[in-house]
């Protein structure tokens, strides 16, 4: 699996994924958790609702998302 396509990412089993909280998460429970996936892809979920399906991003999508956050566009 190349993880270059979003459909490939949703076929990835996340049962052994290691989730970490974003460093900017506050103490109010408004936390985003991120798991690294093969090929530089990421899975992102809400820590208050970890059972809900996470958003999965290819490496290219993740880079664009981060760039938008850093630039204050998101």
PDB file of N, CA and C in Angstrom:
ATOM      1  N   UNK A   1       0.846  -1.180   0.000  1.00  0.00           N
ATOM      2  CA  UNK A   1       0.000   0.000   0.000  1.00  0.00           C
ATOM      3  C   UNK A   1       0.887   1.238   0.000  1.00  0.00           C
ATOM      4  N   UNK A   2       0.612   2.138  -0.892  1.00  0.00           N
ATOM      5  CA  UNK A   2       1.455   3.316  -1.051  1.00  0.00           C
ATOM      6  C   UNK A   2       1.045   4.469  -0.151  1.00  0.00           C
ATOM      7  N   UNK A   3      -0.195   4.490   0.304  1.00  0.00           N
ATOM      8  CA  UNK A   3      -0.740   5.593   1.100  1.00  0.00           C
ATOM      9  C   UNK A   3      -0.665   6.920   0.367  1.00  0.00           C
ATOM     10  N   UNK A   4      -0.629   6.852  -0.961  1.00  0.00           N
ATOM     11  CA  UNK A   4      -0.670   8.064  -1.765  1.00  0.00           C
ATOM     12  C   UNK A   4      -2.095   8.459  -2.094  1.00  0.00           C
ATOM     13  N   UNK A   5      -3.033   7.587  -1.801  1.00  0.00           N
ATOM     14  CA  UNK A   5      -4.442   7.866  -2.086  1.00  0.00           C
ATOM     15  C   UNK A   5      -5.241   7.760  -0.799  1.00  0.00           C
ATOM     16  N   UNK A   6      -6.230   8.608  -0.678  1.00  0.00           N
ATOM     17  CA  UNK A   6      -7.072   8.591   0.512  1.00  0.00           C
ATOM     18  C   UNK A   6      -7.755   7.248   0.687  1.00  0.00           C
ATOM     19  N   UNK A   7      -8.167   6.611  -0.405  1.00  0.00           N
ATOM     20  CA  UNK A   7      -8.829   5.307  -0.283  1.00  0.00           C
ATOM     21  C   UNK A   7      -7.900   4.273   0.341  1.00  0.00           C
ATOM     22  N   UNK A   8      -6.599   4.353   0.050  1.00  0.00           N
ATOM     23  CA  UNK A   8      -5.634   3.451   0.678  1.00  0.00           C
ATOM     24  C   UNK A   8      -5.573   3.692   2.184  1.00  0.00           C
ATOM     25  N   UNK A   9      -5.660   4.951   2.587  1.00  0.00           N
ATOM     26  CA  UNK A   9      -5.566   5.286   4.009  1.00  0.00           C
ATOM     27  C   UNK A   9      -6.717   4.700   4.807  1.00  0.00           C
ATOM     28  N   UNK A  10      -7.904   4.691   4.229  1.00  0.00           N
ATOM     29  CA  UNK A  10      -9.061   4.169   4.944  1.00  0.00           C
ATOM     30  C   UNK A  10      -9.049   2.651   5.011  1.00  0.00           C
ATOM     31  N   UNK A  11      -8.161   2.015   4.268  1.00  0.00           N
ATOM     32  CA  UNK A  11      -7.983   0.567   4.365  1.00  0.00           C
ATOM     33  C   UNK A  11      -6.948   0.219   5.438  1.00  0.00           C
ATOM     34  N   UNK A  12      -6.223   1.217   5.936  1.00  0.00           N
ATOM     35  CA  UNK A  12      -5.193   1.011   6.953  1.00  0.00           C
ATOM     36  C   UNK A  12      -5.832   0.729   8.309  1.00  0.00           C
ATOM     37  N   UNK A  13      -5.396  -0.342   8.956  1.00  0.00           N
ATOM     38  CA  UNK A  13      -5.898  -0.725  10.279  1.00  0.00           C
ATOM     39  C   UNK A  13      -5.264   0.176  11.333  1.00  0.00           C
ATOM     40  N   UNK A  14      -6.079   0.844  12.124  1.00  0.00           N
ATOM     41  CA  UNK A  14      -5.572   1.769  13.146  1.00  0.00           C
ATOM     42  C   UNK A  14      -5.594   1.188  14.557  1.00  0.00           C
ATOM     43  N   UNK A  15      -5.868  -0.113  14.698  1.00  0.00           N
ATOM     44  CA  UNK A  15      -5.978  -0.681  16.048  1.00  0.00           C
ATOM     45  C   UNK A  15      -4.664  -0.601  16.820  1.00  0.00           C
ATOM     46  N   UNK A  16      -3.538  -0.566  16.145  1.00  0.00           N
ATOM     47  CA  UNK A  16      -2.253  -0.464  16.843  1.00  0.00           C
ATOM     48  C   UNK A  16      -1.622   0.918  16.679  1.00  0.00           C
ATOM     49  N   UNK A  17      -2.383   1.861  16.145  1.00  0.00           N
ATOM     50  CA  UNK A  17      -1.849   3.217  15.947  1.00  0.00           C
ATOM     51  C   UNK A  17      -1.497   3.844  17.293  1.00  0.00           C
ATOM     52  N   UNK A  18      -0.428   4.611  17.306  1.00  0.00           N
ATOM     53  CA  UNK A  18      -0.010   5.345  18.501  1.00  0.00           C
ATOM     54  C   UNK A  18      -0.498   6.779  18.339  1.00  0.00           C
ATOM     55  N   UNK A  19      -1.437   7.167  19.196  1.00  0.00           N
ATOM     56  CA  UNK A  19      -2.035   8.500  19.128  1.00  0.00           C
ATOM     57  C   UNK A  19      -1.314   9.424  20.087  1.00  0.00           C
ATOM     58  N   UNK A  20      -1.059  10.642  19.645  1.00  0.00           N
ATOM     59  CA  UNK A  20      -0.461  11.649  20.532  1.00  0.00           C
ATOM     60  C   UNK A  20      -1.266  12.931  20.415  1.00  0.00           C
ATOM     61  N   UNK A  21      -1.317  13.651  21.525  1.00  0.00           N
ATOM     62  CA  UNK A  21      -2.053  14.920  21.530  1.00  0.00           C
ATOM     63  C   UNK A  21      -1.199  16.001  20.893  1.00  0.00           C
ATOM     64  N   UNK A  22      -1.860  16.887  20.203  1.00  0.00           N
ATOM     65  CA  UNK A  22      -1.165  18.024  19.613  1.00  0.00           C
ATOM     66  C   UNK A  22      -0.542  18.855  20.728  1.00  0.00           C
ATOM     67  N   UNK A  23       0.649  19.368  20.485  1.00  0.00           N
ATOM     68  CA  UNK A  23       1.368  20.117  21.521  1.00  0.00           C
ATOM     69  C   UNK A  23       0.645  21.391  21.928  1.00  0.00           C
ATOM     70  N   UNK A  24      -0.231  21.903  21.101  1.00  0.00           N
ATOM     71  CA  UNK A  24      -0.948  23.139  21.420  1.00  0.00           C
ATOM     72  C   UNK A  24      -2.302  22.894  22.063  1.00  0.00           C
ATOM     73  N   UNK A  25      -2.633  21.638  22.343  1.00  0.00           N
ATOM     74  CA  UNK A  25      -3.923  21.335  22.968  1.00  0.00           C
ATOM     75  C   UNK A  25      -3.954  21.887  24.380  1.00  0.00           C
ATOM     76  N   UNK A  26      -5.079  22.448  24.742  1.00  0.00           N
ATOM     77  CA  UNK A  26      -5.238  23.017  26.071  1.00  0.00           C
ATOM     78  C   UNK A  26      -5.710  21.985  27.073  1.00  0.00           C
ATOM     79  N   UNK A  27      -5.910  22.402  28.306  1.00  0.00           N
ATOM     80  CA  UNK A  27      -6.342  21.513  29.364  1.00  0.00           C
ATOM     81  C   UNK A  27      -7.846  21.393  29.491  1.00  0.00           C
ATOM     82  N   UNK A  28      -8.592  22.031  28.597  1.00  0.00           N
ATOM     83  CA  UNK A  28     -10.051  22.019  28.675  1.00  0.00           C
ATOM     84  C   UNK A  28     -10.675  20.809  27.997  1.00  0.00           C
ATOM     85  N   UNK A  29      -9.870  19.895  27.513  1.00  0.00           N
ATOM     86  CA  UNK A  29     -10.398  18.714  26.845  1.00  0.00           C
ATOM     87  C   UNK A  29     -10.644  18.912  25.365  1.00  0.00           C
ATOM     88  N   UNK A  30     -10.255  20.064  24.847  1.00  0.00           N
ATOM     89  CA  UNK A  30     -10.404  20.340  23.414  1.00  0.00           C
ATOM     90  C   UNK A  30      -9.123  19.924  22.708  1.00  0.00           C
ATOM     91  N   UNK A  31      -8.904  18.635  22.618  1.00  0.00           N
ATOM     92  CA  UNK A  31      -7.635  18.139  22.106  1.00  0.00           C
ATOM     93  C   UNK A  31      -7.789  17.417  20.775  1.00  0.00           C
ATOM     94  N   UNK A  32      -6.811  17.619  19.944  1.00  0.00           N
ATOM     95  CA  UNK A  32      -6.701  16.891  18.690  1.00  0.00           C
ATOM     96  C   UNK A  32      -5.608  15.854  18.887  1.00  0.00           C
ATOM     97  N   UNK A  33      -5.869  14.632  18.456  1.00  0.00           N
ATOM     98  CA  UNK A  33      -4.870  13.573  18.529  1.00  0.00           C
ATOM     99  C   UNK A  33      -4.466  13.186  17.116  1.00  0.00           C
ATOM    100  N   UNK A  34      -3.176  12.890  16.964  1.00  0.00           N
ATOM    101  CA  UNK A  34      -2.623  12.583  15.654  1.00  0.00           C
ATOM    102  C   UNK A  34      -1.878  11.259  15.730  1.00  0.00           C
ATOM    103  N   UNK A  35      -2.048  10.435  14.708  1.00  0.00           N
ATOM    104  CA  UNK A  35      -1.293   9.185  14.582  1.00  0.00           C
ATOM    105  C   UNK A  35      -0.555   9.216  13.254  1.00  0.00           C
ATOM    106  N   UNK A  36       0.718   8.827  13.298  1.00  0.00           N
ATOM    107  CA  UNK A  36       1.500   8.744  12.068  1.00  0.00           C
ATOM    108  C   UNK A  36       1.169   7.445  11.359  1.00  0.00           C
ATOM    109  N   UNK A  37       1.018   7.523  10.050  1.00  0.00           N
ATOM    110  CA  UNK A  37       0.727   6.365   9.218  1.00  0.00           C
ATOM    111  C   UNK A  37       1.868   6.178   8.221  1.00  0.00           C
ATOM    112  N   UNK A  38       1.955   5.022   7.598  1.00  0.00           N
ATOM    113  CA  UNK A  38       3.018   4.792   6.617  1.00  0.00           C
ATOM    114  C   UNK A  38       2.997   5.828   5.495  1.00  0.00           C
ATOM    115  N   UNK A  39       4.165   6.132   4.990  1.00  0.00           N
ATOM    116  CA  UNK A  39       4.271   7.051   3.864  1.00  0.00           C
ATOM    117  C   UNK A  39       4.111   8.513   4.224  1.00  0.00           C
ATOM    118  N   UNK A  40       4.203   8.855   5.515  1.00  0.00           N
ATOM    119  CA  UNK A  40       4.067  10.245   5.935  1.00  0.00           C
ATOM    120  C   UNK A  40       2.635  10.709   6.097  1.00  0.00           C
ATOM    121  N   UNK A  41       1.688   9.803   5.934  1.00  0.00           N
ATOM    122  CA  UNK A  41       0.273  10.144   6.109  1.00  0.00           C
ATOM    123  C   UNK A  41      -0.033  10.310   7.594  1.00  0.00           C
ATOM    124  N   UNK A  42      -1.189  10.882   7.905  1.00  0.00           N
ATOM    125  CA  UNK A  42      -1.613  11.079   9.290  1.00  0.00           C
ATOM    126  C   UNK A  42      -3.090  10.761   9.436  1.00  0.00           C
ATOM    127  N   UNK A  43      -3.459  10.354  10.638  1.00  0.00           N
ATOM    128  CA  UNK A  43      -4.857  10.220  11.032  1.00  0.00           C
ATOM    129  C   UNK A  43      -5.069  11.232  12.150  1.00  0.00           C
ATOM    130  N   UNK A  44      -6.192  11.921  12.131  1.00  0.00           N
ATOM    131  CA  UNK A  44      -6.487  12.977  13.101  1.00  0.00           C
ATOM    132  C   UNK A  44      -7.856  12.701  13.700  1.00  0.00           C
ATOM    133  N   UNK A  45      -7.950  12.797  15.035  1.00  0.00           N
ATOM    134  CA  UNK A  45      -9.235  12.564  15.694  1.00  0.00           C
ATOM    135  C   UNK A  45      -9.422  13.514  16.866  1.00  0.00           C
ATOM    136  N   UNK A  46     -10.653  13.579  17.339  1.00  0.00           N
ATOM    137  CA  UNK A  46     -11.040  14.381  18.498  1.00  0.00           C
ATOM    138  C   UNK A  46     -10.855  13.518  19.742  1.00  0.00           C
ATOM    139  N   UNK A  47     -10.067  13.981  20.694  1.00  0.00           N
ATOM    140  CA  UNK A  47      -9.795  13.182  21.894  1.00  0.00           C
ATOM    141  C   UNK A  47     -11.045  12.954  22.738  1.00  0.00           C
ATOM    142  N   UNK A  48     -12.044  13.820  22.612  1.00  0.00           N
ATOM    143  CA  UNK A  48     -13.281  13.643  23.382  1.00  0.00           C
ATOM    144  C   UNK A  48     -14.158  12.552  22.788  1.00  0.00           C
ATOM    145  N   UNK A  49     -13.892  12.177  21.554  1.00  0.00           N
ATOM    146  CA  UNK A  49     -14.716  11.188  20.874  1.00  0.00           C
ATOM    147  C   UNK A  49     -13.828  10.260  20.035  1.00  0.00           C
ATOM    148  N   UNK A  50     -12.920   9.504  20.685  1.00  0.00           N
ATOM    149  CA  UNK A  50     -11.971   8.676  19.939  1.00  0.00           C
ATOM    150  C   UNK A  50     -12.616   7.533  19.165  1.00  0.00           C
ATOM    151  N   UNK A  51     -13.832   7.158  19.509  1.00  0.00           N
ATOM    152  CA  UNK A  51     -14.511   6.085  18.797  1.00  0.00           C
ATOM    153  C   UNK A  51     -15.054   6.504  17.443  1.00  0.00           C
ATOM    154  N   UNK A  52     -15.181   7.789  17.259  1.00  0.00           N
ATOM    155  CA  UNK A  52     -15.647   8.291  15.963  1.00  0.00           C
ATOM    156  C   UNK A  52     -14.501   8.165  14.964  1.00  0.00           C
ATOM    157  N   UNK A  53     -14.813   7.851  13.758  1.00  0.00           N
ATOM    158  CA  UNK A  53     -13.777   7.644  12.750  1.00  0.00           C
ATOM    159  C   UNK A  53     -12.884   8.858  12.557  1.00  0.00           C
ATOM    160  N   UNK A  54     -11.582   8.655  12.550  1.00  0.00           N
ATOM    161  CA  UNK A  54     -10.664   9.773  12.365  1.00  0.00           C
ATOM    162  C   UNK A  54     -10.586  10.218  10.909  1.00  0.00           C
ATOM    163  N   UNK A  55     -10.179  11.438  10.726  1.00  0.00           N
ATOM    164  CA  UNK A  55      -9.889  11.975   9.410  1.00  0.00           C
ATOM    165  C   UNK A  55      -8.514  11.456   9.018  1.00  0.00           C
ATOM    166  N   UNK A  56      -8.369  10.973   7.810  1.00  0.00           N
ATOM    167  CA  UNK A  56      -7.078  10.447   7.350  1.00  0.00           C
ATOM    168  C   UNK A  56      -6.591  11.292   6.184  1.00  0.00           C
ATOM    169  N   UNK A  57      -5.326  11.701   6.275  1.00  0.00           N
ATOM    170  CA  UNK A  57      -4.749  12.602   5.282  1.00  0.00           C
ATOM    171  C   UNK A  57      -3.488  11.997   4.680  1.00  0.00           C
ATOM    172  N   UNK A  58      -3.347  12.092   3.360  1.00  0.00           N
ATOM    173  CA  UNK A  58      -2.102  11.680   2.718  1.00  0.00           C
ATOM    174  C   UNK A  58      -1.002  12.637   3.167  1.00  0.00           C
ATOM    175  N   UNK A  59       0.250  12.301   2.881  1.00  0.00           N
ATOM    176  CA  UNK A  59       1.364  13.170   3.256  1.00  0.00           C
ATOM    177  C   UNK A  59       1.215  14.552   2.622  1.00  0.00           C
ATOM    178  N   UNK A  60       0.769  14.599   1.379  1.00  0.00           N
ATOM    179  CA  UNK A  60       0.576  15.876   0.687  1.00  0.00           C
ATOM    180  C   UNK A  60      -0.550  16.682   1.327  1.00  0.00           C
ATOM    181  N   UNK A  61      -1.654  16.011   1.650  1.00  0.00           N
ATOM    182  CA  UNK A  61      -2.779  16.688   2.305  1.00  0.00           C
ATOM    183  C   UNK A  61      -2.383  17.186   3.688  1.00  0.00           C
ATOM    184  N   UNK A  62      -1.620  16.379   4.435  1.00  0.00           N
ATOM    185  CA  UNK A  62      -1.165  16.764   5.768  1.00  0.00           C
ATOM    186  C   UNK A  62      -0.283  18.010   5.682  1.00  0.00           C
ATOM    187  N   UNK A  63       0.638  18.043   4.724  1.00  0.00           N
ATOM    188  CA  UNK A  63       1.522  19.199   4.563  1.00  0.00           C
ATOM    189  C   UNK A  63       0.718  20.456   4.247  1.00  0.00           C
ATOM    190  N   UNK A  64      -0.280  20.342   3.377  1.00  0.00           N
ATOM    191  CA  UNK A  64      -1.119  21.492   3.035  1.00  0.00           C
ATOM    192  C   UNK A  64      -1.936  21.950   4.240  1.00  0.00           C
ATOM    193  N   UNK A  65      -2.451  21.008   5.019  1.00  0.00           N
ATOM    194  CA  UNK A  65      -3.218  21.337   6.221  1.00  0.00           C
ATOM    195  C   UNK A  65      -2.343  22.098   7.217  1.00  0.00           C
ATOM    196  N   UNK A  66      -1.160  21.565   7.479  1.00  0.00           N
ATOM    197  CA  UNK A  66      -0.241  22.219   8.420  1.00  0.00           C
ATOM    198  C   UNK A  66       0.136  23.615   7.943  1.00  0.00           C
ATOM    199  N   UNK A  67       0.400  23.741   6.658  1.00  0.00           N
ATOM    200  CA  UNK A  67       0.756  25.043   6.096  1.00  0.00           C
ATOM    201  C   UNK A  67      -0.376  26.049   6.306  1.00  0.00           C
ATOM    202  N   UNK A  68      -1.612  25.608   6.107  1.00  0.00           N
ATOM    203  CA  UNK A  68      -2.766  26.479   6.320  1.00  0.00           C
ATOM    204  C   UNK A  68      -2.924  26.893   7.769  1.00  0.00           C
ATOM    205  N   UNK A  69      -2.668  25.972   8.690  1.00  0.00           N
ATOM    206  CA  UNK A  69      -2.759  26.284  10.124  1.00  0.00           C
ATOM    207  C   UNK A  69      -1.688  27.296  10.504  1.00  0.00           C
ATOM    208  N   UNK A  70      -0.453  27.038  10.096  1.00  0.00           N
ATOM    209  CA  UNK A  70       0.654  27.935  10.436  1.00  0.00           C
ATOM    210  C   UNK A  70       0.434  29.334   9.853  1.00  0.00           C
ATOM    211  N   UNK A  71      -0.146  29.401   8.658  1.00  0.00           N
ATOM    212  CA  UNK A  71      -0.391  30.691   8.005  1.00  0.00           C
ATOM    213  C   UNK A  71      -1.626  31.403   8.554  1.00  0.00           C
ATOM    214  N   UNK A  72      -2.351  30.749   9.474  1.00  0.00           N
ATOM    215  CA  UNK A  72      -3.544  31.352  10.051  1.00  0.00           C
ATOM    216  C   UNK A  72      -4.757  31.300   9.143  1.00  0.00           C
ATOM    217  N   UNK A  73      -4.713  30.446   8.140  1.00  0.00           N
ATOM    218  CA  UNK A  73      -5.827  30.327   7.204  1.00  0.00           C
ATOM    219  C   UNK A  73      -6.899  29.371   7.701  1.00  0.00           C
ATOM    220  N   UNK A  74      -6.576  28.540   8.665  1.00  0.00           N
ATOM    221  CA  UNK A  74      -7.535  27.571   9.208  1.00  0.00           C
ATOM    222  C   UNK A  74      -7.735  27.800  10.689  1.00  0.00           C
TER     223      UNK A  74
END
